[in-house]
Amino acid sequence: MDEKDMVLGNLVRAVNTLRDCPEFAALVPEVRVNLVFALPDAEDPRDVAAIEGRITAVRGIPHASGMPEFGASDHMARLILEVRDSQPDIRAGINFKCDAEIIGLVEAYCAEKGYTFGAIDRTSEPPEVGTVDGSSMPWKIAQLIDRYGEVPRLFYEGEGWGKEPLFVAIGRDAVEVAELAIDIALRYAKSS
């Protein structure tokens, strides 16, 4: 099996795992869920596979809008590519809903698991970063590395002008990050 097939198969397994967890539907943000997995030598968003059309919730069940495709993501693909510059073992990521309750829950989860909990303050983003296309991702990743010494496994991007606050989980493959998000979803369901 070639590397591209392995990446696509891992994404399908990750989507199936999310679909089998109805509790995850509560973590689908307004912008929907982006799930990405990069090739080992990825250099550009076309080397990163994602779910075409993202993942949404249909009748309370997580549902992929399309099939995994290389080049189907821009934002999360660029995030993973930027992270890989300093942490080459990180190849996958998923975003999910962020609010005050989830922040507290994820912070406690990170403390329990021994993960660094991270946050990006989008209100401190320099104006030139927000106006130049593609410049916010390097700025965000640099902020995390400067503050935590690396990009944390779980971090959130706070509100910014026209930006929905979101959590991001990163890891070695798509199944790993999907399972991490499911852990959070199950805890969130119990707390509600």
N, C-alpha and C. Protein backbone atom coordinates (compact mmCIF):
# COMPACT_ATOMS: atom_id res chain seq x y z
N MET A 1 0.85 -1.19 0.00
CA MET A 1 0.00 0.00 0.00
C MET A 1 0.89 1.24 0.00
N ASP A 2 0.58 2.17 -0.88
CA ASP A 2 1.41 3.37 -0.90
C ASP A 2 0.97 4.36 0.19
N GLU A 3 1.82 5.35 0.41
CA GLU A 3 1.61 6.31 1.51
C GLU A 3 0.30 7.09 1.36
N LYS A 4 -0.05 7.46 0.13
CA LYS A 4 -1.30 8.21 -0.08
C LYS A 4 -2.51 7.36 0.31
N ASP A 5 -2.49 6.09 -0.06
CA ASP A 5 -3.60 5.20 0.30
C ASP A 5 -3.70 5.03 1.82
N MET A 6 -2.54 4.94 2.48
CA MET A 6 -2.52 4.81 3.94
C MET A 6 -3.14 6.04 4.60
N VAL A 7 -2.79 7.23 4.11
CA VAL A 7 -3.33 8.47 4.66
C VAL A 7 -4.84 8.53 4.46
N LEU A 8 -5.30 8.23 3.25
CA LEU A 8 -6.74 8.27 2.96
C LEU A 8 -7.50 7.23 3.80
N GLY A 9 -6.94 6.03 3.93
CA GLY A 9 -7.58 4.99 4.75
C GLY A 9 -7.67 5.38 6.21
N ASN A 10 -6.62 6.01 6.72
CA ASN A 10 -6.62 6.46 8.12
C ASN A 10 -7.69 7.53 8.33
N LEU A 11 -7.85 8.42 7.36
CA LEU A 11 -8.90 9.44 7.45
C LEU A 11 -10.29 8.81 7.45
N VAL A 12 -10.50 7.80 6.62
CA VAL A 12 -11.80 7.11 6.59
C VAL A 12 -12.07 6.47 7.96
N ARG A 13 -11.08 5.81 8.52
CA ARG A 13 -11.26 5.21 9.86
C ARG A 13 -11.57 6.28 10.91
N ALA A 14 -10.89 7.42 10.82
CA ALA A 14 -11.13 8.50 11.77
C ALA A 14 -12.56 9.04 11.64
N VAL A 15 -13.03 9.22 10.41
CA VAL A 15 -14.39 9.71 10.19
C VAL A 15 -15.40 8.70 10.73
N ASN A 16 -15.16 7.42 10.50
CA ASN A 16 -16.06 6.39 11.01
C ASN A 16 -16.10 6.41 12.54
N THR A 17 -14.96 6.64 13.16
CA THR A 17 -14.89 6.73 14.62
C THR A 17 -15.72 7.91 15.12
N LEU A 18 -15.61 9.05 14.45
CA LEU A 18 -16.40 10.23 14.83
C LEU A 18 -17.89 9.97 14.61
N ARG A 19 -18.23 9.36 13.48
CA ARG A 19 -19.63 9.06 13.16
C ARG A 19 -20.26 8.16 14.23
N ASP A 20 -19.46 7.25 14.77
CA ASP A 20 -19.96 6.31 15.78
C ASP A 20 -20.06 6.92 17.17
N CYS A 21 -19.76 8.20 17.29
CA CYS A 21 -19.84 8.90 18.57
C CYS A 21 -20.81 10.07 18.44
N PRO A 22 -22.11 9.83 18.67
CA PRO A 22 -23.07 10.94 18.53
C PRO A 22 -22.76 12.12 19.44
N GLU A 23 -22.09 11.88 20.55
CA GLU A 23 -21.73 12.97 21.47
C GLU A 23 -20.84 14.01 20.79
N PHE A 24 -20.07 13.59 19.78
CA PHE A 24 -19.18 14.53 19.10
C PHE A 24 -19.96 15.60 18.35
N ALA A 25 -21.19 15.32 17.97
CA ALA A 25 -22.01 16.30 17.24
C ALA A 25 -22.12 17.62 18.01
N ALA A 26 -22.11 17.56 19.34
CA ALA A 26 -22.20 18.77 20.16
C ALA A 26 -20.95 19.65 20.05
N LEU A 27 -19.87 19.09 19.52
CA LEU A 27 -18.63 19.86 19.38
C LEU A 27 -18.40 20.38 17.96
N VAL A 28 -19.39 20.19 17.08
CA VAL A 28 -19.25 20.70 15.71
C VAL A 28 -19.47 22.22 15.74
N PRO A 29 -18.46 23.00 15.34
CA PRO A 29 -18.62 24.46 15.37
C PRO A 29 -19.41 24.95 14.16
N GLU A 30 -19.72 26.26 14.16
CA GLU A 30 -20.44 26.86 13.04
C GLU A 30 -19.71 26.65 11.71
N VAL A 31 -18.37 26.69 11.74
CA VAL A 31 -17.58 26.52 10.51
C VAL A 31 -17.39 25.05 10.14
N ARG A 32 -17.97 24.16 10.93
CA ARG A 32 -17.86 22.71 10.76
C ARG A 32 -16.45 22.23 11.12
N VAL A 33 -16.28 20.93 11.08
CA VAL A 33 -15.04 20.30 11.54
C VAL A 33 -14.13 19.99 10.35
N ASN A 34 -12.90 20.39 10.49
CA ASN A 34 -11.88 20.10 9.51
C ASN A 34 -10.96 19.03 10.12
N LEU A 35 -10.76 17.93 9.42
CA LEU A 35 -9.89 16.84 9.86
C LEU A 35 -8.87 16.63 8.76
N VAL A 36 -7.58 16.74 9.10
CA VAL A 36 -6.52 16.66 8.09
C VAL A 36 -5.43 15.68 8.50
N PHE A 37 -4.75 15.12 7.47
CA PHE A 37 -3.63 14.20 7.69
C PHE A 37 -2.65 14.40 6.53
N ALA A 38 -1.41 14.74 6.86
CA ALA A 38 -0.39 15.08 5.87
C ALA A 38 0.48 13.87 5.51
N LEU A 39 0.96 13.87 4.28
CA LEU A 39 1.98 12.90 3.88
C LEU A 39 3.25 13.19 4.67
N PRO A 40 4.12 12.20 4.85
CA PRO A 40 5.34 12.41 5.66
C PRO A 40 6.25 13.51 5.11
N ASP A 41 6.25 13.72 3.81
CA ASP A 41 7.12 14.73 3.20
C ASP A 41 6.32 15.95 2.72
N ALA A 42 5.17 16.19 3.31
CA ALA A 42 4.27 17.28 2.87
C ALA A 42 4.97 18.63 2.91
N GLU A 43 4.77 19.38 1.83
CA GLU A 43 5.35 20.72 1.73
C GLU A 43 4.31 21.77 1.38
N ASP A 44 3.11 21.33 1.00
CA ASP A 44 2.12 22.25 0.47
C ASP A 44 0.74 21.66 0.75
N PRO A 45 -0.31 22.48 0.83
CA PRO A 45 -1.65 21.95 1.16
C PRO A 45 -2.12 20.80 0.25
N ARG A 46 -1.58 20.70 -0.96
CA ARG A 46 -1.95 19.59 -1.84
C ARG A 46 -1.39 18.25 -1.35
N ASP A 47 -0.45 18.31 -0.39
CA ASP A 47 0.13 17.10 0.19
C ASP A 47 -0.58 16.70 1.47
N VAL A 48 -1.66 17.40 1.79
CA VAL A 48 -2.43 17.15 3.01
C VAL A 48 -3.84 16.73 2.61
N ALA A 49 -4.27 15.58 3.09
CA ALA A 49 -5.62 15.10 2.80
C ALA A 49 -6.58 15.60 3.88
N ALA A 50 -7.81 15.85 3.47
CA ALA A 50 -8.86 16.32 4.38
C ALA A 50 -10.21 15.84 3.85
N ILE A 51 -11.23 16.02 4.67
CA ILE A 51 -12.57 15.63 4.26
C ILE A 51 -13.17 16.74 3.41
N GLU A 52 -13.47 16.42 2.16
CA GLU A 52 -14.04 17.40 1.25
C GLU A 52 -15.38 17.89 1.82
N GLY A 53 -15.51 19.21 1.98
CA GLY A 53 -16.73 19.78 2.53
C GLY A 53 -16.82 19.73 4.04
N ARG A 54 -15.81 19.20 4.68
CA ARG A 54 -15.72 19.11 6.15
C ARG A 54 -16.71 18.11 6.76
N ILE A 55 -16.74 18.11 8.09
CA ILE A 55 -17.64 17.22 8.85
C ILE A 55 -18.67 18.08 9.54
N THR A 56 -19.91 17.71 9.44
CA THR A 56 -21.01 18.45 10.04
C THR A 56 -21.82 17.50 10.92
N ALA A 57 -22.94 17.95 11.41
CA ALA A 57 -23.84 17.07 12.17
C ALA A 57 -25.18 17.01 11.44
N VAL A 58 -25.65 15.81 11.21
CA VAL A 58 -26.95 15.59 10.57
C VAL A 58 -27.79 14.75 11.52
N ARG A 59 -28.91 15.33 11.98
CA ARG A 59 -29.79 14.66 12.94
C ARG A 59 -29.03 14.15 14.16
N GLY A 60 -28.10 14.97 14.64
CA GLY A 60 -27.37 14.65 15.86
C GLY A 60 -26.24 13.65 15.69
N ILE A 61 -25.85 13.35 14.45
CA ILE A 61 -24.77 12.40 14.19
C ILE A 61 -23.69 13.10 13.36
N PRO A 62 -22.41 12.97 13.74
CA PRO A 62 -21.35 13.54 12.90
C PRO A 62 -21.40 12.89 11.51
N HIS A 63 -21.28 13.72 10.50
CA HIS A 63 -21.43 13.25 9.12
C HIS A 63 -20.43 13.94 8.21
N ALA A 64 -19.65 13.15 7.48
CA ALA A 64 -18.70 13.71 6.51
C ALA A 64 -19.48 14.19 5.30
N SER A 65 -19.19 15.41 4.86
CA SER A 65 -19.87 15.96 3.70
C SER A 65 -19.35 15.36 2.40
N GLY A 66 -18.14 14.84 2.42
CA GLY A 66 -17.53 14.26 1.23
C GLY A 66 -16.49 13.23 1.59
N MET A 67 -15.74 12.83 0.61
CA MET A 67 -14.68 11.83 0.78
C MET A 67 -13.36 12.52 1.13
N PRO A 68 -12.41 11.76 1.70
CA PRO A 68 -11.08 12.36 1.92
C PRO A 68 -10.40 12.61 0.57
N GLU A 69 -9.82 13.76 0.45
CA GLU A 69 -9.13 14.16 -0.79
C GLU A 69 -7.88 14.95 -0.43
N PHE A 70 -6.84 14.78 -1.21
CA PHE A 70 -5.66 15.63 -1.04
C PHE A 70 -5.99 17.02 -1.57
N GLY A 71 -5.59 18.04 -0.82
CA GLY A 71 -5.83 19.41 -1.22
C GLY A 71 -7.22 19.93 -0.86
N ALA A 72 -8.00 19.17 -0.10
CA ALA A 72 -9.37 19.58 0.24
C ALA A 72 -9.43 20.59 1.38
N SER A 73 -8.30 20.87 2.02
CA SER A 73 -8.27 21.84 3.11
C SER A 73 -7.23 22.90 2.82
N ASP A 74 -7.50 24.09 3.27
CA ASP A 74 -6.48 25.14 3.19
C ASP A 74 -6.01 25.52 4.59
N HIS A 75 -6.95 26.01 5.42
CA HIS A 75 -6.59 26.53 6.75
C HIS A 75 -5.89 25.48 7.62
N MET A 76 -6.55 24.34 7.85
CA MET A 76 -5.94 23.31 8.72
C MET A 76 -4.72 22.68 8.07
N ALA A 77 -4.72 22.58 6.75
CA ALA A 77 -3.54 22.05 6.06
C ALA A 77 -2.33 22.96 6.32
N ARG A 78 -2.55 24.26 6.19
CA ARG A 78 -1.45 25.20 6.45
C ARG A 78 -1.00 25.14 7.90
N LEU A 79 -1.97 24.93 8.83
CA LEU A 79 -1.62 24.82 10.25
C LEU A 79 -0.68 23.63 10.47
N ILE A 80 -1.05 22.46 9.93
CA ILE A 80 -0.22 21.26 10.11
C ILE A 80 1.14 21.45 9.45
N LEU A 81 1.18 22.03 8.28
CA LEU A 81 2.47 22.27 7.62
C LEU A 81 3.35 23.19 8.46
N GLU A 82 2.75 24.20 9.05
CA GLU A 82 3.51 25.14 9.89
C GLU A 82 4.02 24.43 11.16
N VAL A 83 3.18 23.61 11.78
CA VAL A 83 3.59 22.88 12.99
C VAL A 83 4.74 21.93 12.66
N ARG A 84 4.68 21.28 11.51
CA ARG A 84 5.69 20.29 11.13
C ARG A 84 7.09 20.88 10.98
N ASP A 85 7.19 22.18 10.78
CA ASP A 85 8.51 22.81 10.71
C ASP A 85 9.30 22.61 12.00
N SER A 86 8.59 22.58 13.13
CA SER A 86 9.28 22.40 14.42
C SER A 86 8.98 21.04 15.05
N GLN A 87 7.89 20.39 14.64
CA GLN A 87 7.49 19.09 15.21
C GLN A 87 7.12 18.15 14.06
N PRO A 88 8.14 17.58 13.38
CA PRO A 88 7.88 16.79 12.17
C PRO A 88 7.06 15.52 12.40
N ASP A 89 6.95 15.05 13.63
CA ASP A 89 6.14 13.86 13.90
C ASP A 89 4.64 14.17 13.89
N ILE A 90 4.28 15.45 13.94
CA ILE A 90 2.86 15.86 13.91
C ILE A 90 2.42 15.92 12.45
N ARG A 91 1.41 15.11 12.12
CA ARG A 91 0.94 15.06 10.73
C ARG A 91 -0.57 15.26 10.61
N ALA A 92 -1.29 15.34 11.74
CA ALA A 92 -2.75 15.41 11.66
C ALA A 92 -3.30 16.44 12.62
N GLY A 93 -4.51 16.89 12.31
CA GLY A 93 -5.19 17.85 13.18
C GLY A 93 -6.69 17.83 12.96
N ILE A 94 -7.39 18.29 13.98
CA ILE A 94 -8.85 18.41 13.92
C ILE A 94 -9.23 19.66 14.69
N ASN A 95 -10.24 20.37 14.21
CA ASN A 95 -10.76 21.52 14.96
C ASN A 95 -12.14 21.16 15.52
N PHE A 96 -12.51 21.81 16.62
CA PHE A 96 -13.84 21.61 17.19
C PHE A 96 -14.25 22.84 17.99
N LYS A 97 -15.49 22.84 18.41
CA LYS A 97 -16.13 23.98 19.09
C LYS A 97 -15.34 24.43 20.32
N CYS A 98 -15.40 25.73 20.57
CA CYS A 98 -14.74 26.32 21.73
C CYS A 98 -15.70 27.29 22.41
N ASP A 99 -15.93 27.08 23.70
CA ASP A 99 -16.65 28.04 24.53
C ASP A 99 -16.08 27.94 25.94
N ALA A 100 -16.57 28.75 26.85
CA ALA A 100 -16.00 28.79 28.21
C ALA A 100 -16.06 27.43 28.90
N GLU A 101 -17.17 26.72 28.74
CA GLU A 101 -17.29 25.41 29.38
C GLU A 101 -16.29 24.41 28.80
N ILE A 102 -16.14 24.41 27.50
CA ILE A 102 -15.21 23.48 26.85
C ILE A 102 -13.77 23.84 27.21
N ILE A 103 -13.47 25.13 27.30
CA ILE A 103 -12.12 25.55 27.70
C ILE A 103 -11.78 24.95 29.06
N GLY A 104 -12.66 25.08 30.04
CA GLY A 104 -12.42 24.52 31.37
C GLY A 104 -12.27 23.01 31.34
N LEU A 105 -13.11 22.36 30.55
CA LEU A 105 -13.06 20.91 30.44
C LEU A 105 -11.75 20.43 29.80
N VAL A 106 -11.32 21.10 28.72
CA VAL A 106 -10.09 20.71 28.04
C VAL A 106 -8.87 21.02 28.92
N GLU A 107 -8.92 22.12 29.64
CA GLU A 107 -7.80 22.45 30.53
C GLU A 107 -7.64 21.36 31.60
N ALA A 108 -8.75 20.90 32.18
CA ALA A 108 -8.70 19.81 33.16
C ALA A 108 -8.24 18.50 32.52
N TYR A 109 -8.70 18.22 31.32
CA TYR A 109 -8.29 17.02 30.57
C TYR A 109 -6.78 17.02 30.34
N CYS A 110 -6.25 18.16 29.91
CA CYS A 110 -4.81 18.27 29.66
C CYS A 110 -4.01 18.06 30.95
N ALA A 111 -4.47 18.62 32.05
CA ALA A 111 -3.79 18.45 33.33
C ALA A 111 -3.78 16.97 33.72
N GLU A 112 -4.90 16.30 33.52
CA GLU A 112 -5.00 14.88 33.85
C GLU A 112 -4.09 14.01 32.98
N LYS A 113 -3.99 14.34 31.69
CA LYS A 113 -3.22 13.54 30.73
C LYS A 113 -1.75 13.95 30.65
N GLY A 114 -1.39 15.07 31.30
CA GLY A 114 -0.01 15.54 31.23
C GLY A 114 0.31 16.29 29.93
N TYR A 115 -0.74 16.79 29.26
CA TYR A 115 -0.55 17.56 28.03
C TYR A 115 -0.46 19.04 28.38
N THR A 116 0.29 19.78 27.59
CA THR A 116 0.30 21.23 27.71
C THR A 116 -1.00 21.76 27.12
N PHE A 117 -1.63 22.66 27.83
CA PHE A 117 -2.85 23.31 27.37
C PHE A 117 -2.45 24.65 26.79
N GLY A 118 -2.91 24.97 25.59
CA GLY A 118 -2.48 26.20 24.94
C GLY A 118 -3.62 27.09 24.51
N ALA A 119 -3.29 28.36 24.32
CA ALA A 119 -4.27 29.35 23.85
C ALA A 119 -3.56 30.40 23.01
N ILE A 120 -4.28 30.88 22.00
CA ILE A 120 -3.80 31.98 21.17
C ILE A 120 -4.80 33.13 21.34
N ASP A 121 -4.28 34.30 21.68
CA ASP A 121 -5.12 35.49 21.82
C ASP A 121 -5.16 36.20 20.47
N ARG A 122 -6.26 36.01 19.74
CA ARG A 122 -6.37 36.60 18.40
C ARG A 122 -6.49 38.13 18.46
N THR A 123 -6.87 38.67 19.62
CA THR A 123 -7.01 40.13 19.71
C THR A 123 -5.64 40.82 19.69
N SER A 124 -4.56 40.06 19.95
CA SER A 124 -3.22 40.66 19.93
C SER A 124 -2.54 40.51 18.57
N GLU A 125 -3.26 39.97 17.61
CA GLU A 125 -2.71 39.79 16.26
C GLU A 125 -2.41 41.15 15.64
N PRO A 126 -1.17 41.37 15.20
CA PRO A 126 -0.83 42.65 14.57
C PRO A 126 -1.68 42.89 13.31
N PRO A 127 -2.07 44.13 13.05
CA PRO A 127 -2.93 44.43 11.90
C PRO A 127 -2.39 43.90 10.57
N GLU A 128 -1.07 43.98 10.39
CA GLU A 128 -0.50 43.52 9.12
C GLU A 128 -0.66 42.01 8.93
N VAL A 129 -0.73 41.27 10.03
CA VAL A 129 -0.91 39.82 9.96
C VAL A 129 -2.31 39.49 9.45
N GLY A 130 -3.30 40.22 9.94
CA GLY A 130 -4.68 39.96 9.54
C GLY A 130 -5.02 40.41 8.13
N THR A 131 -4.21 41.29 7.57
CA THR A 131 -4.54 41.82 6.24
C THR A 131 -3.77 41.16 5.12
N VAL A 132 -2.70 40.44 5.42
CA VAL A 132 -1.90 39.77 4.38
C VAL A 132 -2.30 38.30 4.35
N ASP A 133 -2.84 37.87 3.23
CA ASP A 133 -3.33 36.50 3.09
C ASP A 133 -2.22 35.49 3.40
N GLY A 134 -2.53 34.54 4.29
CA GLY A 134 -1.60 33.48 4.62
C GLY A 134 -0.59 33.81 5.71
N SER A 135 -0.62 35.04 6.23
CA SER A 135 0.39 35.41 7.23
C SER A 135 -0.04 35.12 8.66
N SER A 136 -1.34 34.85 8.88
CA SER A 136 -1.77 34.62 10.26
C SER A 136 -1.30 33.27 10.80
N MET A 137 -1.22 32.25 9.95
CA MET A 137 -0.84 30.92 10.45
C MET A 137 0.59 30.90 11.01
N PRO A 138 1.60 31.42 10.28
CA PRO A 138 2.94 31.46 10.88
C PRO A 138 2.96 32.25 12.19
N TRP A 139 2.20 33.35 12.25
CA TRP A 139 2.15 34.16 13.46
C TRP A 139 1.56 33.35 14.62
N LYS A 140 0.44 32.65 14.37
CA LYS A 140 -0.22 31.86 15.43
C LYS A 140 0.71 30.76 15.95
N ILE A 141 1.34 30.03 15.05
CA ILE A 141 2.21 28.93 15.48
C ILE A 141 3.42 29.48 16.23
N ALA A 142 3.98 30.59 15.77
CA ALA A 142 5.09 31.23 16.48
C ALA A 142 4.68 31.65 17.88
N GLN A 143 3.46 32.17 18.04
CA GLN A 143 2.96 32.56 19.36
C GLN A 143 2.93 31.36 20.30
N LEU A 144 2.42 30.23 19.80
CA LEU A 144 2.36 29.02 20.64
C LEU A 144 3.75 28.53 21.03
N ILE A 145 4.66 28.49 20.07
CA ILE A 145 6.01 28.00 20.35
C ILE A 145 6.72 28.94 21.32
N ASP A 146 6.58 30.25 21.12
CA ASP A 146 7.21 31.22 22.03
C ASP A 146 6.68 31.05 23.46
N ARG A 147 5.39 30.80 23.59
CA ARG A 147 4.78 30.73 24.91
C ARG A 147 4.96 29.38 25.61
N TYR A 148 4.90 28.29 24.82
CA TYR A 148 4.89 26.94 25.43
C TYR A 148 6.11 26.09 25.08
N GLY A 149 6.97 26.58 24.19
CA GLY A 149 8.15 25.81 23.81
C GLY A 149 7.87 24.82 22.68
N GLU A 150 6.62 24.61 22.36
CA GLU A 150 6.19 23.75 21.25
C GLU A 150 4.71 24.05 21.02
N VAL A 151 4.16 23.46 19.97
CA VAL A 151 2.73 23.61 19.75
C VAL A 151 2.04 22.55 20.61
N PRO A 152 1.19 22.95 21.56
CA PRO A 152 0.52 21.98 22.44
C PRO A 152 -0.39 21.03 21.66
N ARG A 153 -0.58 19.83 22.19
CA ARG A 153 -1.50 18.85 21.57
C ARG A 153 -2.91 19.40 21.46
N LEU A 154 -3.32 20.20 22.44
CA LEU A 154 -4.64 20.83 22.44
C LEU A 154 -4.47 22.31 22.73
N PHE A 155 -5.02 23.13 21.84
CA PHE A 155 -4.98 24.58 22.07
C PHE A 155 -6.22 25.19 21.43
N TYR A 156 -6.52 26.40 21.88
CA TYR A 156 -7.64 27.09 21.25
C TYR A 156 -7.21 28.45 20.74
N GLU A 157 -7.91 28.86 19.69
CA GLU A 157 -7.76 30.20 19.14
C GLU A 157 -8.95 31.00 19.64
N GLY A 158 -8.69 32.02 20.42
CA GLY A 158 -9.76 32.86 20.93
C GLY A 158 -10.43 33.65 19.81
N GLU A 159 -11.46 34.37 20.19
CA GLU A 159 -12.20 35.18 19.23
C GLU A 159 -11.31 36.24 18.62
N GLY A 160 -11.56 36.52 17.37
CA GLY A 160 -10.93 37.62 16.66
C GLY A 160 -12.00 38.24 15.78
N TRP A 161 -11.70 39.37 15.17
CA TRP A 161 -12.70 40.02 14.35
C TRP A 161 -13.10 39.08 13.22
N GLY A 162 -14.38 38.71 13.20
CA GLY A 162 -14.90 37.83 12.17
C GLY A 162 -14.44 36.39 12.28
N LYS A 163 -13.88 36.00 13.41
CA LYS A 163 -13.34 34.64 13.59
C LYS A 163 -14.07 33.94 14.73
N GLU A 164 -14.50 32.72 14.47
CA GLU A 164 -15.12 31.90 15.51
C GLU A 164 -14.01 31.30 16.37
N PRO A 165 -14.13 31.34 17.70
CA PRO A 165 -13.12 30.67 18.52
C PRO A 165 -13.20 29.15 18.27
N LEU A 166 -12.04 28.50 18.20
CA LEU A 166 -11.98 27.08 17.90
C LEU A 166 -10.90 26.39 18.70
N PHE A 167 -11.13 25.13 19.03
CA PHE A 167 -10.09 24.27 19.56
C PHE A 167 -9.44 23.53 18.42
N VAL A 168 -8.17 23.19 18.60
CA VAL A 168 -7.44 22.36 17.66
C VAL A 168 -6.73 21.28 18.46
N ALA A 169 -6.81 20.05 17.97
CA ALA A 169 -6.03 18.93 18.52
C ALA A 169 -5.09 18.47 17.42
N ILE A 170 -3.83 18.23 17.76
CA ILE A 170 -2.86 17.75 16.78
C ILE A 170 -2.28 16.42 17.25
N GLY A 171 -1.80 15.64 16.29
CA GLY A 171 -1.21 14.35 16.63
C GLY A 171 -0.53 13.70 15.44
N ARG A 172 -0.20 12.43 15.60
CA ARG A 172 0.56 11.70 14.58
C ARG A 172 -0.29 11.24 13.40
N ASP A 173 -1.58 10.96 13.63
CA ASP A 173 -2.45 10.56 12.52
C ASP A 173 -3.89 10.96 12.82
N ALA A 174 -4.75 10.78 11.82
CA ALA A 174 -6.13 11.25 11.92
C ALA A 174 -6.93 10.48 12.97
N VAL A 175 -6.70 9.18 13.09
CA VAL A 175 -7.42 8.40 14.09
C VAL A 175 -7.06 8.88 15.49
N GLU A 176 -5.79 9.16 15.72
CA GLU A 176 -5.35 9.65 17.04
C GLU A 176 -6.05 10.95 17.42
N VAL A 177 -6.11 11.91 16.48
CA VAL A 177 -6.73 13.20 16.84
C VAL A 177 -8.25 13.06 16.96
N ALA A 178 -8.84 12.17 16.15
CA ALA A 178 -10.29 11.94 16.27
C ALA A 178 -10.60 11.34 17.65
N GLU A 179 -9.80 10.39 18.10
CA GLU A 179 -10.02 9.77 19.41
C GLU A 179 -9.84 10.79 20.53
N LEU A 180 -8.88 11.70 20.38
CA LEU A 180 -8.68 12.75 21.37
C LEU A 180 -9.93 13.64 21.44
N ALA A 181 -10.46 14.03 20.26
CA ALA A 181 -11.66 14.86 20.23
C ALA A 181 -12.87 14.12 20.81
N ILE A 182 -12.94 12.81 20.59
CA ILE A 182 -14.03 12.01 21.15
C ILE A 182 -13.94 11.97 22.67
N ASP A 183 -12.73 11.83 23.21
CA ASP A 183 -12.55 11.89 24.68
C ASP A 183 -13.15 13.17 25.24
N ILE A 184 -12.86 14.28 24.56
CA ILE A 184 -13.39 15.58 25.00
C ILE A 184 -14.92 15.58 24.88
N ALA A 185 -15.44 15.07 23.77
CA ALA A 185 -16.88 15.06 23.53
C ALA A 185 -17.62 14.25 24.59
N LEU A 186 -17.06 13.11 24.97
CA LEU A 186 -17.71 12.27 25.98
C LEU A 186 -17.73 12.96 27.33
N ARG A 187 -16.66 13.64 27.67
CA ARG A 187 -16.62 14.40 28.93
C ARG A 187 -17.60 15.57 28.89
N TYR A 188 -17.68 16.22 27.73
CA TYR A 188 -18.60 17.34 27.58
C TYR A 188 -20.05 16.87 27.73
N ALA A 189 -20.37 15.72 27.16
CA ALA A 189 -21.73 15.17 27.27
C ALA A 189 -22.08 14.87 28.72
N LYS A 190 -21.13 14.34 29.47
CA LYS A 190 -21.37 14.03 30.89
C LYS A 190 -21.56 15.29 31.71
N SER A 191 -20.88 16.37 31.33
CA SER A 191 -20.94 17.61 32.11
C SER A 191 -22.20 18.43 31.81
N SER A 192 -22.85 18.15 30.70
CA SER A 192 -24.02 18.95 30.30
C SER A 192 -25.30 18.47 30.94
